[in-house]
């Protein structure tokens, strides 16, 4: 899933990742690049991401990784 990418986004960082990472990991701060792209293309994308302001966090997707949300989900499972 890319837990380190999720943590980085919560820490306020824009990220660059290969398109092999599941889209679920994108909380609004990941730019995906194909592994088929050249080194030069990867360098350009990384440079662009470093130069842009931090993107807003997708709060709706982010709440799925909040421990309170996870606990609630587990409680619902156990209550069934």
N, C-alpha and C. Protein backbone atom coordinates (compact mmCIF):
# COMPACT_ATOMS: atom_id res chain seq x y z
N UNK A 1 0.83 -1.21 0.00
CA UNK A 1 0.00 0.00 0.00
C UNK A 1 0.86 1.25 0.00
N UNK A 2 1.98 1.23 0.61
CA UNK A 2 2.81 2.43 0.64
C UNK A 2 2.59 3.24 1.90
N UNK A 3 2.70 2.60 3.07
CA UNK A 3 2.45 3.27 4.35
C UNK A 3 3.37 4.48 4.51
N UNK A 4 4.62 4.37 4.07
CA UNK A 4 5.53 5.51 4.21
C UNK A 4 5.03 6.70 3.38
N UNK A 5 4.39 6.44 2.26
CA UNK A 5 3.82 7.52 1.46
C UNK A 5 2.64 8.18 2.18
N UNK A 6 1.85 7.39 2.85
CA UNK A 6 0.72 7.94 3.61
C UNK A 6 1.26 8.81 4.75
N UNK A 7 2.26 8.30 5.46
CA UNK A 7 2.86 9.07 6.55
C UNK A 7 3.48 10.36 6.04
N UNK A 8 4.15 10.30 4.91
CA UNK A 8 4.77 11.51 4.34
C UNK A 8 3.72 12.56 3.99
N UNK A 9 2.61 12.12 3.45
CA UNK A 9 1.54 13.07 3.10
C UNK A 9 0.94 13.71 4.35
N UNK A 10 0.74 12.91 5.40
CA UNK A 10 0.24 13.47 6.66
C UNK A 10 1.24 14.45 7.25
N UNK A 11 2.52 14.24 6.98
CA UNK A 11 3.57 15.14 7.49
C UNK A 11 3.67 16.41 6.66
N UNK A 12 2.87 16.53 5.60
CA UNK A 12 2.86 17.75 4.80
C UNK A 12 3.78 17.74 3.61
N UNK A 13 4.10 16.57 3.09
CA UNK A 13 4.99 16.48 1.94
C UNK A 13 4.25 16.06 0.68
N UNK A 14 4.60 16.69 -0.43
CA UNK A 14 4.19 16.19 -1.73
C UNK A 14 5.11 15.01 -2.06
N UNK A 15 4.62 14.01 -2.74
CA UNK A 15 5.39 12.80 -3.00
C UNK A 15 5.36 12.43 -4.48
N UNK A 16 6.37 11.70 -4.90
CA UNK A 16 6.44 11.13 -6.24
C UNK A 16 6.57 9.63 -6.05
N UNK A 17 5.74 8.87 -6.78
CA UNK A 17 5.76 7.41 -6.65
C UNK A 17 5.50 6.79 -8.01
N UNK A 18 5.90 5.54 -8.12
CA UNK A 18 5.61 4.83 -9.36
C UNK A 18 4.12 4.53 -9.43
N UNK A 19 3.65 4.32 -10.63
CA UNK A 19 2.23 4.02 -10.81
C UNK A 19 1.90 2.59 -10.39
N UNK A 20 2.85 1.87 -9.81
CA UNK A 20 2.58 0.55 -9.26
C UNK A 20 2.04 0.63 -7.83
N UNK A 21 2.12 1.80 -7.24
CA UNK A 21 1.56 2.01 -5.90
C UNK A 21 0.04 2.17 -6.06
N UNK A 22 -0.75 1.51 -5.21
CA UNK A 22 -2.21 1.63 -5.33
C UNK A 22 -2.68 3.07 -5.15
N UNK A 23 -3.67 3.46 -5.92
CA UNK A 23 -4.22 4.81 -5.86
C UNK A 23 -4.79 5.11 -4.48
N UNK A 24 -5.17 4.09 -3.74
CA UNK A 24 -5.69 4.28 -2.39
C UNK A 24 -4.70 5.03 -1.50
N UNK A 25 -3.42 4.91 -1.78
CA UNK A 25 -2.39 5.59 -0.97
C UNK A 25 -2.34 7.09 -1.23
N UNK A 26 -2.98 7.55 -2.30
CA UNK A 26 -2.93 8.97 -2.66
C UNK A 26 -3.96 9.76 -1.88
N UNK A 27 -3.47 10.60 -0.98
CA UNK A 27 -4.33 11.48 -0.20
C UNK A 27 -4.31 12.89 -0.78
N UNK A 28 -3.96 12.98 -2.05
CA UNK A 28 -3.95 14.27 -2.74
C UNK A 28 -2.57 14.87 -2.90
N UNK A 29 -1.55 14.16 -2.42
CA UNK A 29 -0.20 14.72 -2.47
C UNK A 29 0.80 13.81 -3.18
N UNK A 30 0.31 12.88 -4.00
CA UNK A 30 1.21 12.00 -4.75
C UNK A 30 1.09 12.29 -6.23
N UNK A 31 2.23 12.40 -6.89
CA UNK A 31 2.29 12.45 -8.34
C UNK A 31 2.83 11.09 -8.78
N UNK A 32 2.05 10.40 -9.59
CA UNK A 32 2.45 9.07 -10.04
C UNK A 32 3.19 9.16 -11.37
N UNK A 33 4.24 8.35 -11.50
CA UNK A 33 5.04 8.30 -12.72
C UNK A 33 5.25 6.83 -13.08
N UNK A 34 5.12 6.52 -14.33
CA UNK A 34 5.32 5.16 -14.80
C UNK A 34 6.79 4.77 -14.70
N UNK A 35 7.04 3.53 -14.32
CA UNK A 35 8.41 3.02 -14.30
C UNK A 35 8.99 2.92 -15.70
N UNK A 36 8.14 2.99 -16.71
CA UNK A 36 8.61 2.97 -18.10
C UNK A 36 9.19 4.31 -18.55
N UNK A 37 8.97 5.35 -17.75
CA UNK A 37 9.49 6.68 -18.11
C UNK A 37 11.00 6.73 -17.90
N UNK A 38 11.62 7.62 -18.62
CA UNK A 38 13.08 7.76 -18.56
C UNK A 38 13.51 8.40 -17.24
N UNK A 39 14.80 8.28 -16.96
CA UNK A 39 15.38 8.92 -15.79
C UNK A 39 15.18 10.43 -15.87
N UNK A 40 15.32 10.96 -17.07
CA UNK A 40 15.14 12.41 -17.26
C UNK A 40 13.70 12.83 -16.92
N UNK A 41 12.73 12.01 -17.31
CA UNK A 41 11.33 12.33 -17.01
C UNK A 41 11.08 12.27 -15.51
N UNK A 42 11.62 11.25 -14.85
CA UNK A 42 11.49 11.16 -13.40
C UNK A 42 12.12 12.39 -12.74
N UNK A 43 13.29 12.78 -13.18
CA UNK A 43 13.97 13.95 -12.61
C UNK A 43 13.14 15.21 -12.82
N UNK A 44 12.55 15.36 -13.99
CA UNK A 44 11.71 16.54 -14.27
C UNK A 44 10.49 16.57 -13.34
N UNK A 45 9.82 15.43 -13.20
CA UNK A 45 8.64 15.37 -12.33
C UNK A 45 9.02 15.68 -10.88
N UNK A 46 10.10 15.09 -10.41
CA UNK A 46 10.54 15.35 -9.03
C UNK A 46 10.87 16.82 -8.85
N UNK A 47 11.56 17.41 -9.80
CA UNK A 47 11.89 18.82 -9.72
C UNK A 47 10.62 19.68 -9.68
N UNK A 48 9.65 19.34 -10.53
CA UNK A 48 8.37 20.07 -10.54
C UNK A 48 7.65 19.96 -9.20
N UNK A 49 7.64 18.77 -8.64
CA UNK A 49 6.96 18.55 -7.36
C UNK A 49 7.65 19.32 -6.24
N UNK A 50 8.98 19.36 -6.26
CA UNK A 50 9.72 20.11 -5.24
C UNK A 50 9.45 21.61 -5.32
N UNK A 51 9.16 22.10 -6.52
CA UNK A 51 8.96 23.53 -6.73
C UNK A 51 7.53 24.00 -6.45
N UNK A 52 6.59 23.07 -6.30
CA UNK A 52 5.21 23.50 -6.12
C UNK A 52 4.82 23.51 -4.65
N UNK A 53 3.83 24.34 -4.30
CA UNK A 53 3.38 24.36 -2.90
C UNK A 53 2.75 23.02 -2.53
N UNK A 54 2.67 22.76 -1.24
CA UNK A 54 2.08 21.50 -0.77
C UNK A 54 0.61 21.47 -1.16
N UNK A 55 0.23 20.37 -1.78
CA UNK A 55 -1.16 20.19 -2.20
C UNK A 55 -2.06 19.98 -0.98
N UNK A 56 -3.34 20.32 -1.12
CA UNK A 56 -4.25 20.08 0.00
C UNK A 56 -4.45 18.58 0.21
N UNK A 57 -4.62 18.19 1.46
CA UNK A 57 -4.86 16.81 1.81
C UNK A 57 -6.32 16.47 1.55
N UNK A 58 -6.57 15.34 0.93
CA UNK A 58 -7.94 14.87 0.71
C UNK A 58 -8.46 14.35 2.04
N UNK A 59 -9.16 15.20 2.77
CA UNK A 59 -9.60 14.88 4.12
C UNK A 59 -10.50 13.66 4.16
N UNK A 60 -11.32 13.48 3.16
CA UNK A 60 -12.23 12.33 3.12
C UNK A 60 -11.46 11.02 3.05
N UNK A 61 -10.45 10.97 2.19
CA UNK A 61 -9.63 9.76 2.09
C UNK A 61 -8.72 9.62 3.31
N UNK A 62 -8.25 10.74 3.84
CA UNK A 62 -7.32 10.70 4.97
C UNK A 62 -7.97 10.13 6.22
N UNK A 63 -9.26 10.36 6.40
CA UNK A 63 -9.90 9.87 7.62
C UNK A 63 -9.90 8.33 7.68
N UNK A 64 -9.77 7.68 6.55
CA UNK A 64 -9.71 6.21 6.53
C UNK A 64 -8.46 5.69 7.23
N UNK A 65 -7.44 6.52 7.39
CA UNK A 65 -6.19 6.11 8.02
C UNK A 65 -6.06 6.64 9.45
N UNK A 66 -7.11 7.30 9.92
CA UNK A 66 -7.14 7.79 11.30
C UNK A 66 -7.43 6.62 12.23
N UNK A 67 -6.69 6.50 13.32
CA UNK A 67 -6.85 5.37 14.24
C UNK A 67 -8.27 5.32 14.81
N UNK A 68 -8.89 6.46 15.03
CA UNK A 68 -10.26 6.46 15.57
C UNK A 68 -11.23 5.83 14.59
N UNK A 69 -11.04 6.11 13.30
CA UNK A 69 -11.88 5.51 12.26
C UNK A 69 -11.64 4.01 12.19
N UNK A 70 -10.39 3.60 12.27
CA UNK A 70 -10.05 2.19 12.21
C UNK A 70 -10.63 1.44 13.41
N UNK A 71 -10.54 2.03 14.59
CA UNK A 71 -11.10 1.40 15.79
C UNK A 71 -12.61 1.24 15.63
N UNK A 72 -13.26 2.26 15.12
CA UNK A 72 -14.72 2.20 14.91
C UNK A 72 -15.07 1.06 13.96
N UNK A 73 -14.31 0.93 12.87
CA UNK A 73 -14.56 -0.15 11.92
C UNK A 73 -14.40 -1.51 12.59
N UNK A 74 -13.34 -1.67 13.38
CA UNK A 74 -13.11 -2.94 14.07
C UNK A 74 -14.21 -3.24 15.08
N UNK A 75 -14.67 -2.23 15.78
CA UNK A 75 -15.77 -2.42 16.74
C UNK A 75 -17.02 -2.90 16.04
N UNK A 76 -17.31 -2.32 14.88
CA UNK A 76 -18.48 -2.74 14.11
C UNK A 76 -18.36 -4.19 13.65
N UNK A 77 -17.18 -4.58 13.27
CA UNK A 77 -16.94 -5.98 12.84
C UNK A 77 -17.15 -6.92 14.03
N UNK A 78 -16.57 -6.56 15.18
CA UNK A 78 -16.67 -7.42 16.36
C UNK A 78 -18.09 -7.48 16.91
N UNK A 79 -18.86 -6.40 16.73
CA UNK A 79 -20.25 -6.37 17.22
C UNK A 79 -21.18 -7.26 16.40
N UNK A 80 -20.75 -7.63 15.21
CA UNK A 80 -21.62 -8.45 14.34
C UNK A 80 -21.61 -9.86 14.75
